[in-house]
Amino acid sequence: MKKKRALACEECGSRNYYTDKNAGTTERLELKKFCKKCNLHTLHRETK
């Protein structure tokens, strides 16, 4: 079963992206994505 998770920017903290993730994984997802507020490609981490 997959759960919907939010990805938040490390610089400004805004939640720009949502993604599906398997329920069995325990580590947090980290992706480099474009942030509209920062106008840069920054690291986005999964939030609770």
PDB file of N, CA and C in Angstrom:
ATOM      1  N   MET A   1       0.833  -1.176   0.000  1.00  0.00           N
ATOM      2  CA  MET A   1       0.000   0.000   0.000  1.00  0.00           C
ATOM      3  C   MET A   1       0.883   1.246   0.000  1.00  0.00           C
ATOM      4  N   LYS A   2       0.517   2.229  -0.779  1.00  0.00           N
ATOM      5  CA  LYS A   2       1.302   3.453  -0.870  1.00  0.00           C
ATOM      6  C   LYS A   2       0.634   4.564  -0.081  1.00  0.00           C
ATOM      7  N   LYS A   3       1.481   5.434   0.483  1.00  0.00           N
ATOM      8  CA  LYS A   3       0.982   6.587   1.226  1.00  0.00           C
ATOM      9  C   LYS A   3       1.457   7.851   0.545  1.00  0.00           C
ATOM     10  N   LYS A   4       0.642   8.896   0.596  1.00  0.00           N
ATOM     11  CA  LYS A   4       0.997  10.173   0.007  1.00  0.00           C
ATOM     12  C   LYS A   4       1.822  10.970   1.015  1.00  0.00           C
ATOM     13  N   ARG A   5       2.989  11.445   0.593  1.00  0.00           N
ATOM     14  CA  ARG A   5       3.901  12.180   1.463  1.00  0.00           C
ATOM     15  C   ARG A   5       4.229  13.539   0.854  1.00  0.00           C
ATOM     16  N   ALA A   6       4.446  14.539   1.708  1.00  0.00           N
ATOM     17  CA  ALA A   6       4.811  15.879   1.259  1.00  0.00           C
ATOM     18  C   ALA A   6       6.325  16.023   1.295  1.00  0.00           C
ATOM     19  N   LEU A   7       6.860  16.767   0.321  1.00  0.00           N
ATOM     20  CA  LEU A   7       8.281  17.089   0.285  1.00  0.00           C
ATOM     21  C   LEU A   7       8.428  18.579   0.570  1.00  0.00           C
ATOM     22  N   ALA A   8       9.262  18.914   1.573  1.00  0.00           N
ATOM     23  CA  ALA A   8       9.445  20.302   1.980  1.00  0.00           C
ATOM     24  C   ALA A   8      10.850  20.768   1.635  1.00  0.00           C
ATOM     25  N   CYS A   9      10.962  22.016   1.230  1.00  0.00           N
ATOM     26  CA  CYS A   9      12.241  22.626   0.888  1.00  0.00           C
ATOM     27  C   CYS A   9      13.069  22.807   2.160  1.00  0.00           C
ATOM     28  N   GLU A  10      14.357  22.519   2.080  1.00  0.00           N
ATOM     29  CA  GLU A  10      15.251  22.678   3.230  1.00  0.00           C
ATOM     30  C   GLU A  10      15.562  24.144   3.509  1.00  0.00           C
ATOM     31  N   GLU A  11      15.533  24.995   2.494  1.00  0.00           N
ATOM     32  CA  GLU A  11      15.889  26.406   2.671  1.00  0.00           C
ATOM     33  C   GLU A  11      14.740  27.208   3.298  1.00  0.00           C
ATOM     34  N   CYS A  12      13.563  27.154   2.686  1.00  0.00           N
ATOM     35  CA  CYS A  12      12.457  28.000   3.149  1.00  0.00           C
ATOM     36  C   CYS A  12      11.371  27.225   3.902  1.00  0.00           C
ATOM     37  N   GLY A  13      11.348  25.895   3.785  1.00  0.00           N
ATOM     38  CA  GLY A  13      10.386  25.090   4.520  1.00  0.00           C
ATOM     39  C   GLY A  13       9.031  24.920   3.849  1.00  0.00           C
ATOM     40  N   SER A  14       8.858  25.474   2.650  1.00  0.00           N
ATOM     41  CA  SER A  14       7.559  25.354   1.984  1.00  0.00           C
ATOM     42  C   SER A  14       7.383  23.948   1.421  1.00  0.00           C
ATOM     43  N   ARG A  15       6.162  23.461   1.467  1.00  0.00           N
ATOM     44  CA  ARG A  15       5.836  22.124   0.958  1.00  0.00           C
ATOM     45  C   ARG A  15       5.361  22.268  -0.477  1.00  0.00           C
ATOM     46  N   ASN A  16       6.270  21.996  -1.412  1.00  0.00           N
ATOM     47  CA  ASN A  16       5.996  22.233  -2.830  1.00  0.00           C
ATOM     48  C   ASN A  16       5.534  21.001  -3.576  1.00  0.00           C
ATOM     49  N   TYR A  17       5.942  19.815  -3.143  1.00  0.00           N
ATOM     50  CA  TYR A  17       5.687  18.599  -3.906  1.00  0.00           C
ATOM     51  C   TYR A  17       5.049  17.530  -3.033  1.00  0.00           C
ATOM     52  N   TYR A  18       4.246  16.677  -3.668  1.00  0.00           N
ATOM     53  CA  TYR A  18       3.653  15.518  -3.018  1.00  0.00           C
ATOM     54  C   TYR A  18       3.981  14.297  -3.845  1.00  0.00           C
ATOM     55  N   THR A  19       4.283  13.174  -3.183  1.00  0.00           N
ATOM     56  CA  THR A  19       4.663  11.961  -3.878  1.00  0.00           C
ATOM     57  C   THR A  19       4.112  10.754  -3.142  1.00  0.00           C
ATOM     58  N   ASP A  20       4.027   9.630  -3.847  1.00  0.00           N
ATOM     59  CA  ASP A  20       3.617   8.371  -3.240  1.00  0.00           C
ATOM     60  C   ASP A  20       4.848   7.617  -2.769  1.00  0.00           C
ATOM     61  N   LYS A  21       4.714   6.920  -1.640  1.00  0.00           N
ATOM     62  CA  LYS A  21       5.828   6.170  -1.077  1.00  0.00           C
ATOM     63  C   LYS A  21       5.282   4.869  -0.506  1.00  0.00           C
ATOM     64  N   ASN A  22       6.040   3.800  -0.655  1.00  0.00           N
ATOM     65  CA  ASN A  22       5.627   2.521  -0.089  1.00  0.00           C
ATOM     66  C   ASN A  22       5.544   2.620   1.428  1.00  0.00           C
ATOM     67  N   ALA A  23       4.577   1.946   2.026  1.00  0.00           N
ATOM     68  CA  ALA A  23       4.359   2.022   3.464  1.00  0.00           C
ATOM     69  C   ALA A  23       5.435   1.275   4.247  1.00  0.00           C
ATOM     70  N   GLY A  24       6.126   0.315   3.639  1.00  0.00           N
ATOM     71  CA  GLY A  24       7.104  -0.491   4.352  1.00  0.00           C
ATOM     72  C   GLY A  24       8.455   0.156   4.568  1.00  0.00           C
ATOM     73  N   THR A  25       8.769   1.256   3.871  1.00  0.00           N
ATOM     74  CA  THR A  25      10.081   1.882   4.012  1.00  0.00           C
ATOM     75  C   THR A  25      10.108   2.810   5.216  1.00  0.00           C
ATOM     76  N   THR A  26      11.271   2.881   5.881  1.00  0.00           N
ATOM     77  CA  THR A  26      11.376   3.684   7.100  1.00  0.00           C
ATOM     78  C   THR A  26      12.199   4.949   6.906  1.00  0.00           C
ATOM     79  N   GLU A  27      13.151   4.956   5.958  1.00  0.00           N
ATOM     80  CA  GLU A  27      13.990   6.143   5.785  1.00  0.00           C
ATOM     81  C   GLU A  27      13.222   7.231   5.044  1.00  0.00           C
ATOM     82  N   ARG A  28      13.638   8.477   5.277  1.00  0.00           N
ATOM     83  CA  ARG A  28      12.964   9.607   4.647  1.00  0.00           C
ATOM     84  C   ARG A  28      13.502   9.846   3.239  1.00  0.00           C
ATOM     85  N   LEU A  29      12.618  10.213   2.359  1.00  0.00           N
ATOM     86  CA  LEU A  29      12.943  10.455   0.968  1.00  0.00           C
ATOM     87  C   LEU A  29      13.592  11.833   0.820  1.00  0.00           C
ATOM     88  N   GLU A  30      14.688  11.925   0.052  1.00  0.00           N
ATOM     89  CA  GLU A  30      15.362  13.195  -0.217  1.00  0.00           C
ATOM     90  C   GLU A  30      15.570  13.323  -1.719  1.00  0.00           C
ATOM     91  N   LEU A  31      15.080  14.407  -2.287  1.00  0.00           N
ATOM     92  CA  LEU A  31      15.212  14.659  -3.725  1.00  0.00           C
ATOM     93  C   LEU A  31      15.621  16.112  -3.946  1.00  0.00           C
ATOM     94  N   LYS A  32      16.382  16.347  -5.000  1.00  0.00           N
ATOM     95  CA  LYS A  32      16.735  17.707  -5.371  1.00  0.00           C
ATOM     96  C   LYS A  32      15.698  18.184  -6.381  1.00  0.00           C
ATOM     97  N   LYS A  33      14.894  19.181  -5.976  1.00  0.00           N
ATOM     98  CA  LYS A  33      13.799  19.681  -6.795  1.00  0.00           C
ATOM     99  C   LYS A  33      13.874  21.207  -6.875  1.00  0.00           C
ATOM    100  N   PHE A  34      13.100  21.776  -7.793  1.00  0.00           N
ATOM    101  CA  PHE A  34      13.041  23.224  -7.946  1.00  0.00           C
ATOM    102  C   PHE A  34      12.032  23.813  -6.966  1.00  0.00           C
ATOM    103  N   CYS A  35      12.452  24.825  -6.217  1.00  0.00           N
ATOM    104  CA  CYS A  35      11.567  25.523  -5.279  1.00  0.00           C
ATOM    105  C   CYS A  35      11.132  26.843  -5.910  1.00  0.00           C
ATOM    106  N   LYS A  36       9.821  27.070  -5.990  1.00  0.00           N
ATOM    107  CA  LYS A  36       9.296  28.292  -6.595  1.00  0.00           C
ATOM    108  C   LYS A  36       9.590  29.530  -5.751  1.00  0.00           C
ATOM    109  N   LYS A  37       9.570  29.376  -4.430  1.00  0.00           N
ATOM    110  CA  LYS A  37       9.815  30.520  -3.547  1.00  0.00           C
ATOM    111  C   LYS A  37      11.285  30.931  -3.538  1.00  0.00           C
ATOM    112  N   CYS A  38      12.200  29.959  -3.495  1.00  0.00           N
ATOM    113  CA  CYS A  38      13.635  30.244  -3.483  1.00  0.00           C
ATOM    114  C   CYS A  38      14.167  30.526  -4.885  1.00  0.00           C
ATOM    115  N   ASN A  39      13.461  30.063  -5.908  1.00  0.00           N
ATOM    116  CA  ASN A  39      13.856  30.187  -7.305  1.00  0.00           C
ATOM    117  C   ASN A  39      15.186  29.470  -7.570  1.00  0.00           C
ATOM    118  N   LEU A  40      15.412  28.340  -6.882  1.00  0.00           N
ATOM    119  CA  LEU A  40      16.621  27.535  -7.003  1.00  0.00           C
ATOM    120  C   LEU A  40      16.275  26.055  -6.934  1.00  0.00           C
ATOM    121  N   HIS A  41      17.213  25.214  -7.379  1.00  0.00           N
ATOM    122  CA  HIS A  41      17.099  23.785  -7.144  1.00  0.00           C
ATOM    123  C   HIS A  41      17.681  23.509  -5.754  1.00  0.00           C
ATOM    124  N   THR A  42      16.851  23.034  -4.840  1.00  0.00           N
ATOM    125  CA  THR A  42      17.277  22.780  -3.468  1.00  0.00           C
ATOM    126  C   THR A  42      16.886  21.368  -3.058  1.00  0.00           C
ATOM    127  N   LEU A  43      17.438  20.933  -1.955  1.00  0.00           N
ATOM    128  CA  LEU A  43      17.116  19.615  -1.418  1.00  0.00           C
ATOM    129  C   LEU A  43      15.739  19.669  -0.770  1.00  0.00           C
ATOM    130  N   HIS A  44      14.883  18.728  -1.139  1.00  0.00           N
ATOM    131  CA  HIS A  44      13.545  18.596  -0.552  1.00  0.00           C
ATOM    132  C   HIS A  44      13.495  17.285   0.199  1.00  0.00           C
ATOM    133  N   ARG A  45      13.036  17.323   1.444  1.00  0.00           N
ATOM    134  CA  ARG A  45      12.953  16.132   2.281  1.00  0.00           C
ATOM    135  C   ARG A  45      11.504  15.836   2.629  1.00  0.00           C
ATOM    136  N   GLU A  46      11.257  14.571   2.863  1.00  0.00           N
ATOM    137  CA  GLU A  46       9.923  14.126   3.240  1.00  0.00           C
ATOM    138  C   GLU A  46       9.580  14.631   4.635  1.00  0.00           C
ATOM    139  N   THR A  47       8.358  15.127   4.790  1.00  0.00           N
ATOM    140  CA  THR A  47       7.884  15.586   6.095  1.00  0.00           C
ATOM    141  C   THR A  47       6.983  14.529   6.715  1.00  0.00           C
ATOM    142  N   LYS A  48       6.657  14.696   7.956  1.00  0.00           N
ATOM    143  CA  LYS A  48       5.792  13.736   8.644  1.00  0.00           C
ATOM    144  C   LYS A  48       4.363  13.887   8.206  1.00  0.00           C
TER     145      LYS A  48
END
